[in-house]
Amino acid sequence: MGGDQVGAVTLVDDGPRALTDSAPSGLHSANVAIVHDYLNQRGGAERVVLEMSDMWPNAPIYTSLYRPGSTFPAFGDREIRATRLNRMPVDRGFRNLLPLYPAAFHGLGEIDADVVVASSSGWAHLARTSRRTLHAIYCHTPARWLYGRDYLGHRGAMSVKQAIAQPVLGKLARLDREAARRADLYIANSENVKRLIRSTYGIEAVVVPPPVDVDRFSPTPRGARILMVTRLLPYKNVAIVVRAATRLGIGLDVVGDGPLLGQLSELAGPSVKFHGPVADEAVVELMERCSAVCVAAEEDFGIVSVEAQAAGKPVIAYGRGGSLETVSEGLTGVFFREQTEESLIAAIRAAEALETSPSVIATHARRFSRAAFRVRLETVLEKALDEFRPATRDPEPAFRPRRESVLSAA
């Protein structure tokens, strides 16, 4: 295979990545490979990759970085094939490697499988595939750092970091769009992301909501404290929730880690507790004990919102993005329309007045179950594979045409 073994991780050199020479004869008999941006976090995107890996247990997972201690332990028994970036002594500083990821994924060579599914929010779709491969992109969102300023810093005036990065980002954006157009099939995780894919790439995607393990949770009576489960990044807007809870003197538990932990700790009053990254069991316990779960960002989909409802808890959500697709206002949650303390405080009061029973709230979460995800994803991929004709592909095309008829499969 042309790679070195480091522990349980294969470091991949440049060169073709052949998995089979057989022709595909339907999804269930196809050889599948999975590609993901990086495996050094515990987030919704990583849960999607784990679900895909459970669907195709023999599929290797290609990624740029793998840090077993920073992501879900379940990846420990999967076949992980990492790029040469995996040798670099970075974990939390992985965003500083931004200019190096295109070359790292190019260095994987052509992945020669029947089907390659790239789980991407920025880099995995850059991986190359052989001409006989159906290349599907499961897009969590087009890259925030290329098309959304608030990822690299606060909204408004451009930060010093953003100003320095602009020339590099322009080149990366061109590479990003070229890679997007080479894919055979684009799958969006929400209607919200479908619109972003259309506006960013000019591509029509089919929607397959991500899997949520709703069975981990039991609907329980509401407790006394609000909960947030999120990465501590600027665009997540955790600060307004910390300030609002401090101002009201109400309990707030914050689960997650990120570069803003120090700043947020300085804002917090005695009613706010930062738990850092915790095990899944602890998240379940906190959700089942809380009064409501707050989502303060414009989420692409928002797995946490669905998990909260599975635990029978209402969601206090910013009224834009994916939350509009997962939360039923006045029934399973409330929205605040402005990202201000005043708007959020009004929503907290409205959530306190909600009388929907935990069991009714939990029922609304089941449409996003793991089983529903598997059926939807397999249906879309089966249809695409049936229509896929690699022999008709021109040599080294500028882009691979979309297959519009796949859009009706979900």
Protein backbone atom coordinates (compact mmCIF):
# COMPACT_ATOMS: atom_id res chain seq x y z
CA MET A 1 0.00 0.00 0.00
CA GLY A 2 3.02 2.32 0.16
CA GLY A 3 2.46 3.54 3.71
CA ASP A 4 4.13 3.34 7.12
CA GLN A 5 2.51 1.87 10.22
CA VAL A 6 2.44 4.09 13.31
CA GLY A 7 0.71 2.22 16.12
CA ALA A 8 -2.70 1.29 14.69
CA VAL A 9 -2.58 4.09 12.13
CA THR A 10 -1.31 3.79 8.57
CA LEU A 11 0.48 6.87 7.22
CA VAL A 12 -0.23 7.02 3.51
CA ASP A 13 2.33 8.03 0.90
CA ASP A 14 1.47 9.40 -2.51
CA GLY A 15 0.32 6.71 -4.92
CA PRO A 16 -2.84 4.84 -5.92
CA ARG A 17 -4.93 3.39 -3.11
CA ALA A 18 -6.37 0.26 -4.71
CA LEU A 19 -8.99 -1.61 -2.70
CA THR A 20 -10.39 -3.90 -5.40
CA ASP A 21 -10.38 -4.57 -9.10
CA SER A 22 -13.95 -5.81 -9.24
CA ALA A 23 -16.79 -3.82 -10.77
CA PRO A 24 -19.57 -2.65 -8.44
CA SER A 25 -22.77 -4.67 -8.48
CA GLY A 26 -24.91 -2.71 -6.05
CA LEU A 27 -24.11 -0.96 -2.82
CA HIS A 28 -24.20 -4.03 -0.59
CA SER A 29 -21.53 -5.81 -2.64
CA ALA A 30 -19.46 -2.68 -3.29
CA ASN A 31 -16.15 -1.83 -1.69
CA VAL A 32 -16.53 1.43 0.19
CA ALA A 33 -13.96 3.89 1.53
CA ILE A 34 -14.65 6.79 3.90
CA VAL A 35 -12.77 10.09 4.04
CA HIS A 36 -13.04 12.65 6.85
CA ASP A 37 -11.36 16.01 7.50
CA TYR A 38 -9.60 15.15 10.77
CA LEU A 39 -10.25 12.84 13.68
CA ASN A 40 -9.22 14.94 16.66
CA GLN A 41 -12.57 16.19 17.95
CA ARG A 42 -15.79 14.84 19.47
CA GLY A 43 -18.53 16.42 17.43
CA GLY A 44 -21.48 15.67 15.24
CA ALA A 45 -19.37 15.18 12.12
CA GLU A 46 -17.31 12.51 13.87
CA ARG A 47 -20.50 10.73 14.96
CA VAL A 48 -21.57 10.65 11.31
CA VAL A 49 -18.27 8.98 10.38
CA LEU A 50 -18.72 6.39 13.12
CA GLU A 51 -22.20 5.60 11.80
CA MET A 52 -20.86 5.23 8.26
CA SER A 53 -18.12 2.97 9.61
CA ASP A 54 -20.75 0.82 11.32
CA MET A 55 -22.65 0.62 8.03
CA TRP A 56 -19.52 -0.51 6.16
CA PRO A 57 -17.27 -2.23 8.76
CA ASN A 58 -14.58 -3.10 6.19
CA ALA A 59 -14.26 0.46 4.89
CA PRO A 60 -10.95 2.16 5.72
CA ILE A 61 -11.20 5.72 7.02
CA TYR A 62 -8.83 8.20 5.38
CA THR A 63 -8.11 11.40 7.30
CA SER A 64 -5.49 14.10 7.71
CA LEU A 65 -4.91 13.78 11.48
CA TYR A 66 -5.89 11.14 14.00
CA ARG A 67 -5.58 11.84 17.72
CA PRO A 68 -7.14 8.92 19.65
CA GLY A 69 -7.25 10.84 22.92
CA SER A 70 -9.13 13.80 21.42
CA THR A 71 -11.87 12.00 19.53
CA PHE A 72 -14.33 9.19 20.24
CA PRO A 73 -12.72 6.00 21.61
CA ALA A 74 -14.75 3.90 19.15
CA PHE A 75 -12.34 4.92 16.38
CA GLY A 76 -9.69 2.84 18.14
CA ASP A 77 -10.85 -0.39 16.51
CA ARG A 78 -11.35 1.08 13.01
CA GLU A 79 -8.86 1.02 10.14
CA ILE A 80 -7.51 4.58 10.06
CA ARG A 81 -5.25 5.73 7.23
CA ALA A 82 -3.78 9.15 7.99
CA THR A 83 -1.79 11.60 5.88
CA ARG A 84 1.78 12.62 6.63
CA LEU A 85 0.41 15.53 8.68
CA ASN A 86 -0.24 12.96 11.37
CA ARG A 87 3.46 13.08 12.24
CA MET A 88 3.24 16.76 13.21
CA PRO A 89 3.01 17.44 16.96
CA VAL A 90 -0.32 19.30 16.82
CA ASP A 91 -3.75 18.65 18.24
CA ARG A 92 -5.65 21.73 19.34
CA GLY A 93 -3.49 23.81 16.99
CA PHE A 94 -4.64 21.86 13.94
CA ARG A 95 -6.34 24.94 12.43
CA ASN A 96 -2.92 26.56 12.08
CA LEU A 97 -2.05 23.92 9.44
CA LEU A 98 -4.73 25.34 7.14
CA PRO A 99 -2.48 25.84 4.03
CA LEU A 100 -1.12 22.27 4.29
CA TYR A 101 -4.34 20.25 4.07
CA PRO A 102 -4.79 20.34 0.26
CA ALA A 103 -1.35 18.81 -0.31
CA ALA A 104 -1.96 16.30 2.50
CA PHE A 105 -5.15 14.97 0.94
CA HIS A 106 -3.58 15.03 -2.53
CA GLY A 107 -0.81 12.88 -1.06
CA LEU A 108 -3.29 10.09 -0.39
CA GLY A 109 -3.17 9.31 -4.10
CA GLU A 110 -6.22 8.10 -5.99
CA ILE A 111 -8.50 6.09 -3.75
CA ASP A 112 -9.64 3.18 -5.91
CA ALA A 113 -12.88 1.87 -4.42
CA ASP A 114 -16.32 1.24 -5.84
CA VAL A 115 -17.73 4.02 -3.67
CA VAL A 116 -15.91 6.77 -1.75
CA VAL A 117 -17.97 8.77 0.74
CA ALA A 118 -16.27 11.93 1.96
CA SER A 119 -17.57 13.43 5.21
CA SER A 120 -16.53 17.03 4.69
CA SER A 121 -16.78 20.47 6.19
CA GLY A 122 -13.74 21.71 4.35
CA TRP A 123 -11.05 19.22 3.36
CA ALA A 124 -12.14 15.62 2.85
CA HIS A 125 -13.72 16.34 -0.54
CA LEU A 126 -10.24 17.24 -1.81
CA ALA A 127 -9.29 13.55 -1.78
CA ARG A 128 -8.87 12.10 -5.26
CA THR A 129 -10.63 9.00 -6.52
CA SER A 130 -10.12 6.72 -9.50
CA ARG A 131 -12.24 7.20 -12.61
CA ARG A 132 -14.27 4.07 -11.88
CA THR A 133 -15.26 5.31 -8.41
CA LEU A 134 -18.57 6.86 -7.42
CA HIS A 135 -17.39 9.85 -5.38
CA ALA A 136 -20.09 11.10 -2.98
CA ILE A 137 -19.66 14.08 -0.65
CA TYR A 138 -21.63 14.18 2.60
CA CYS A 139 -21.35 17.89 3.29
CA HIS A 140 -21.78 19.19 6.83
CA THR A 141 -21.25 22.74 5.49
CA PRO A 142 -19.08 24.48 2.91
CA ALA A 143 -15.85 25.53 4.64
CA ARG A 144 -16.62 28.22 7.21
CA TRP A 145 -13.08 29.59 7.12
CA LEU A 146 -13.39 30.20 3.37
CA TYR A 147 -16.96 31.49 3.13
CA GLY A 148 -17.84 32.68 6.65
CA ARG A 149 -15.76 35.29 8.44
CA ASP A 150 -17.09 34.55 11.90
CA TYR A 151 -15.18 31.23 12.04
CA LEU A 152 -11.74 32.87 12.26
CA GLY A 153 -12.81 35.70 14.52
CA HIS A 154 -15.67 37.85 15.70
CA ARG A 155 -18.20 39.26 13.31
CA GLY A 156 -17.85 42.79 12.03
CA ALA A 157 -14.45 44.31 11.30
CA MET A 158 -11.86 41.94 9.86
CA SER A 159 -9.44 40.67 12.50
CA VAL A 160 -5.66 40.73 12.12
CA LYS A 161 -5.72 36.94 11.69
CA GLN A 162 -8.28 37.24 8.89
CA ALA A 163 -6.37 40.02 7.13
CA ILE A 164 -3.18 37.96 7.13
CA ALA A 165 -5.02 34.88 5.90
CA GLN A 166 -6.92 36.53 3.02
CA PRO A 167 -4.39 35.84 0.19
CA VAL A 168 -4.10 32.19 1.23
CA LEU A 169 -7.85 31.82 1.64
CA GLY A 170 -8.46 33.11 -1.89
CA LYS A 171 -6.31 30.34 -3.36
CA LEU A 172 -7.84 27.72 -1.09
CA ALA A 173 -11.34 28.81 -2.12
CA ARG A 174 -10.50 28.19 -5.78
CA LEU A 175 -9.17 24.72 -4.95
CA ASP A 176 -12.26 24.09 -2.83
CA ARG A 177 -14.69 24.92 -5.64
CA GLU A 178 -12.75 22.86 -8.16
CA ALA A 179 -12.81 19.84 -5.84
CA ALA A 180 -16.55 20.25 -5.21
CA ARG A 181 -17.29 20.13 -8.95
CA ARG A 182 -15.32 16.91 -9.40
CA ALA A 183 -17.70 14.95 -7.16
CA ASP A 184 -20.39 12.72 -8.64
CA LEU A 185 -22.94 13.31 -5.90
CA TYR A 186 -23.42 15.96 -3.22
CA ILE A 187 -25.41 15.16 -0.09
CA ALA A 188 -26.36 17.95 2.34
CA ASN A 189 -27.09 17.32 5.99
CA SER A 190 -29.99 19.82 5.99
CA GLU A 191 -32.06 22.07 3.78
CA ASN A 192 -30.02 24.93 5.22
CA VAL A 193 -26.76 23.40 3.99
CA LYS A 194 -28.38 22.51 0.66
CA ARG A 195 -28.95 26.24 0.11
CA LEU A 196 -25.34 26.99 1.09
CA ILE A 197 -24.04 24.36 -1.35
CA ARG A 198 -26.14 25.86 -4.13
CA SER A 199 -24.96 29.42 -3.44
CA THR A 200 -21.32 28.44 -2.90
CA TYR A 201 -20.77 25.82 -5.60
CA GLY A 202 -23.78 26.06 -7.92
CA ILE A 203 -24.51 22.39 -7.13
CA GLU A 204 -27.90 20.86 -6.31
CA ALA A 205 -27.59 18.47 -3.39
CA VAL A 206 -29.91 15.84 -1.95
CA VAL A 207 -30.70 16.12 1.78
CA VAL A 208 -29.95 13.30 4.21
CA PRO A 209 -30.13 14.47 7.85
CA PRO A 210 -27.32 13.12 10.06
CA PRO A 211 -27.81 10.19 12.43
CA VAL A 212 -28.68 10.93 16.03
CA ASP A 213 -28.49 8.17 18.62
CA VAL A 214 -31.83 9.07 20.17
CA ASP A 215 -31.97 5.73 21.99
CA ARG A 216 -29.14 6.87 24.29
CA PHE A 217 -31.60 9.21 26.01
CA SER A 218 -34.73 8.73 28.07
CA PRO A 219 -37.32 11.51 28.29
CA THR A 220 -37.21 12.80 31.87
CA PRO A 221 -38.78 15.66 33.86
CA ARG A 222 -37.10 19.03 33.62
CA GLY A 223 -34.42 19.98 36.11
CA ALA A 224 -33.15 23.37 37.24
CA ARG A 225 -30.10 24.19 35.07
CA ILE A 226 -29.65 25.12 31.39
CA LEU A 227 -27.15 23.09 29.38
CA MET A 228 -24.89 23.88 26.42
CA VAL A 229 -22.91 21.19 24.57
CA THR A 230 -20.67 22.91 22.05
CA ARG A 231 -17.18 23.69 20.85
CA LEU A 232 -15.93 26.92 22.39
CA LEU A 233 -15.39 28.81 19.15
CA PRO A 234 -16.40 32.39 18.25
CA TYR A 235 -19.24 31.46 15.91
CA LYS A 236 -20.90 29.31 18.59
CA ASN A 237 -21.76 32.51 20.55
CA VAL A 238 -21.40 30.91 23.95
CA ALA A 239 -20.55 34.29 25.49
CA ILE A 240 -24.08 35.69 25.31
CA VAL A 241 -25.43 32.61 27.10
CA VAL A 242 -22.77 32.90 29.81
CA ARG A 243 -23.55 36.58 30.28
CA ALA A 244 -27.32 36.01 30.33
CA ALA A 245 -27.07 33.18 32.88
CA THR A 246 -24.73 35.26 35.05
CA ARG A 247 -27.05 38.25 34.85
CA LEU A 248 -30.11 36.16 35.80
CA GLY A 249 -28.25 34.09 38.37
CA ILE A 250 -29.52 30.86 36.84
CA GLY A 251 -27.54 27.64 36.58
CA LEU A 252 -25.66 26.97 33.34
CA ASP A 253 -23.56 23.90 32.51
CA VAL A 254 -21.21 24.19 29.52
CA VAL A 255 -19.79 20.99 28.03
CA GLY A 256 -17.03 21.28 25.46
CA ASP A 257 -13.58 22.69 24.86
CA GLY A 258 -11.99 25.25 22.60
CA PRO A 259 -9.75 28.30 22.39
CA LEU A 260 -12.27 30.62 24.09
CA LEU A 261 -12.40 28.74 27.39
CA GLY A 262 -10.24 31.29 29.21
CA GLN A 263 -12.24 34.30 27.98
CA LEU A 264 -15.56 32.66 28.79
CA SER A 265 -14.40 31.69 32.28
CA GLU A 266 -13.64 35.35 33.00
CA LEU A 267 -17.19 36.33 31.98
CA ALA A 268 -18.89 33.67 34.07
CA GLY A 269 -20.49 34.17 37.45
CA PRO A 270 -20.78 31.54 40.18
CA SER A 271 -23.87 29.91 38.61
CA VAL A 272 -21.91 28.88 35.50
CA LYS A 273 -19.87 25.67 35.40
CA PHE A 274 -17.50 24.59 32.61
CA HIS A 275 -17.16 20.82 32.38
CA GLY A 276 -14.72 20.62 29.47
CA PRO A 277 -14.95 17.59 27.16
CA VAL A 278 -16.74 14.74 28.92
CA ALA A 279 -17.65 11.14 28.13
CA ASP A 280 -20.90 10.37 26.33
CA GLU A 281 -22.39 8.93 29.51
CA ALA A 282 -21.89 12.24 31.31
CA VAL A 283 -23.55 14.15 28.45
CA VAL A 284 -26.57 11.86 28.68
CA GLU A 285 -26.79 12.40 32.44
CA LEU A 286 -26.55 16.20 32.10
CA MET A 287 -29.21 16.28 29.38
CA GLU A 288 -31.58 14.17 31.36
CA ARG A 289 -31.14 16.42 34.43
CA CYS A 290 -31.26 19.86 32.76
CA SER A 291 -34.21 22.21 32.33
CA ALA A 292 -33.47 23.12 28.71
CA VAL A 293 -30.63 23.02 26.18
CA CYS A 294 -29.41 26.24 24.58
CA VAL A 295 -28.04 26.46 21.03
CA ALA A 296 -26.83 30.00 20.41
CA ALA A 297 -25.24 29.64 16.97
CA GLU A 298 -26.64 29.45 13.47
CA GLU A 299 -26.17 25.70 13.18
CA ASP A 300 -25.84 23.88 9.89
CA PHE A 301 -28.05 21.11 11.27
CA GLY A 302 -27.67 20.88 15.04
CA ILE A 303 -27.37 17.36 16.43
CA VAL A 304 -27.39 18.69 20.00
CA SER A 305 -30.91 20.09 19.47
CA VAL A 306 -32.17 16.64 18.50
CA GLU A 307 -30.39 14.96 21.42
CA ALA A 308 -31.99 17.45 23.80
CA GLN A 309 -35.44 16.61 22.48
CA ALA A 310 -34.68 12.88 22.74
CA ALA A 311 -34.12 13.54 26.46
CA GLY A 312 -37.50 15.29 26.60
CA LYS A 313 -36.00 18.76 27.03
CA PRO A 314 -37.02 21.91 25.16
CA VAL A 315 -34.44 23.73 23.06
CA ILE A 316 -33.68 27.43 23.32
CA ALA A 317 -32.25 28.11 19.87
CA TYR A 318 -31.12 30.98 17.71
CA GLY A 319 -33.84 31.20 15.09
CA ARG A 320 -31.76 30.66 11.97
CA GLY A 321 -30.14 27.75 10.15
CA GLY A 322 -30.68 24.10 10.94
CA SER A 323 -32.54 24.73 14.19
CA LEU A 324 -35.55 25.78 12.13
CA GLU A 325 -35.66 22.22 10.73
CA THR A 326 -35.26 20.34 14.02
CA VAL A 327 -37.16 22.44 16.59
CA SER A 328 -40.91 23.01 16.55
CA GLU A 329 -41.45 26.47 18.01
CA GLY A 330 -43.86 26.58 20.91
CA LEU A 331 -43.90 22.78 21.16
CA THR A 332 -40.36 21.40 21.45
CA GLY A 333 -38.57 24.71 21.96
CA VAL A 334 -38.42 28.45 21.49
CA PHE A 335 -36.35 30.70 19.24
CA PHE A 336 -34.57 33.97 19.92
CA ARG A 337 -34.30 36.06 16.76
CA GLU A 338 -31.40 38.32 17.74
CA GLN A 339 -28.08 37.23 19.20
CA THR A 340 -28.37 39.57 22.17
CA GLU A 341 -28.73 39.02 25.90
CA GLU A 342 -32.17 40.63 25.93
CA SER A 343 -33.51 38.42 23.15
CA LEU A 344 -32.02 35.32 24.75
CA ILE A 345 -33.40 36.15 28.21
CA ALA A 346 -36.90 36.53 26.73
CA ALA A 347 -36.50 33.08 25.13
CA ILE A 348 -35.33 31.55 28.42
CA ARG A 349 -38.47 32.89 30.11
CA ALA A 350 -40.63 31.54 27.27
CA ALA A 351 -38.99 28.11 27.58
CA GLU A 352 -39.78 28.07 31.30
CA ALA A 353 -43.46 28.51 30.40
CA LEU A 354 -43.57 25.61 27.92
CA GLU A 355 -45.85 22.80 29.09
CA THR A 356 -45.10 20.12 26.47
CA SER A 357 -44.53 16.76 28.14
CA PRO A 358 -41.08 15.12 27.89
CA SER A 359 -42.53 12.13 26.00
CA VAL A 360 -44.10 14.33 23.33
CA ILE A 361 -40.86 16.25 22.87
CA ALA A 362 -38.92 12.98 22.59
CA THR A 363 -41.24 11.67 19.88
CA HIS A 364 -40.24 14.56 17.62
CA ALA A 365 -36.60 13.50 17.79
CA ARG A 366 -37.15 10.03 16.35
CA ARG A 367 -37.36 11.22 12.74
CA PHE A 368 -33.59 11.80 12.95
CA SER A 369 -32.67 8.37 14.33
CA ARG A 370 -29.69 6.30 13.21
CA ALA A 371 -32.02 3.87 11.44
CA ALA A 372 -33.63 6.70 9.47
CA PHE A 373 -30.18 7.96 8.42
CA ARG A 374 -29.13 4.52 7.17
CA VAL A 375 -32.24 4.06 5.07
CA ARG A 376 -31.96 7.53 3.52
CA LEU A 377 -28.23 7.32 2.80
CA GLU A 378 -28.38 3.81 1.35
CA THR A 379 -31.33 4.79 -0.85
CA VAL A 380 -29.50 7.79 -2.28
CA LEU A 381 -26.23 5.92 -2.85
CA GLU A 382 -27.96 2.90 -4.39
CA LYS A 383 -29.76 5.11 -6.90
CA ALA A 384 -26.57 7.01 -7.73
CA LEU A 385 -24.62 3.79 -8.16
CA ASP A 386 -27.30 2.35 -10.45
CA GLU A 387 -27.01 5.43 -12.68
CA PHE A 388 -23.24 5.74 -12.48
CA ARG A 389 -21.47 5.08 -15.78
CA PRO A 390 -17.70 5.53 -15.33
CA ALA A 391 -16.99 4.49 -18.93
CA THR A 392 -18.72 7.65 -20.17
CA ARG A 393 -16.44 9.93 -18.19
CA ASP A 394 -14.06 12.07 -20.25
CA PRO A 395 -10.36 11.85 -19.34
CA GLU A 396 -9.46 14.30 -16.56
CA PRO A 397 -12.70 16.31 -16.77
CA ALA A 398 -12.84 19.85 -15.45
CA PHE A 399 -15.80 18.69 -13.40
CA ARG A 400 -18.10 15.72 -13.17
CA PRO A 401 -21.72 16.52 -14.08
CA ARG A 402 -24.37 16.28 -11.40
CA ARG A 403 -26.90 13.49 -11.69
CA GLU A 404 -30.12 15.44 -11.17
CA SER A 405 -32.40 12.40 -10.97
CA VAL A 406 -30.72 11.29 -7.74
CA LEU A 407 -32.28 14.28 -5.98
CA SER A 408 -35.66 12.57 -5.78
CA ALA A 409 -34.28 9.52 -3.96
CA ALA A 410 -34.60 10.90 -0.45
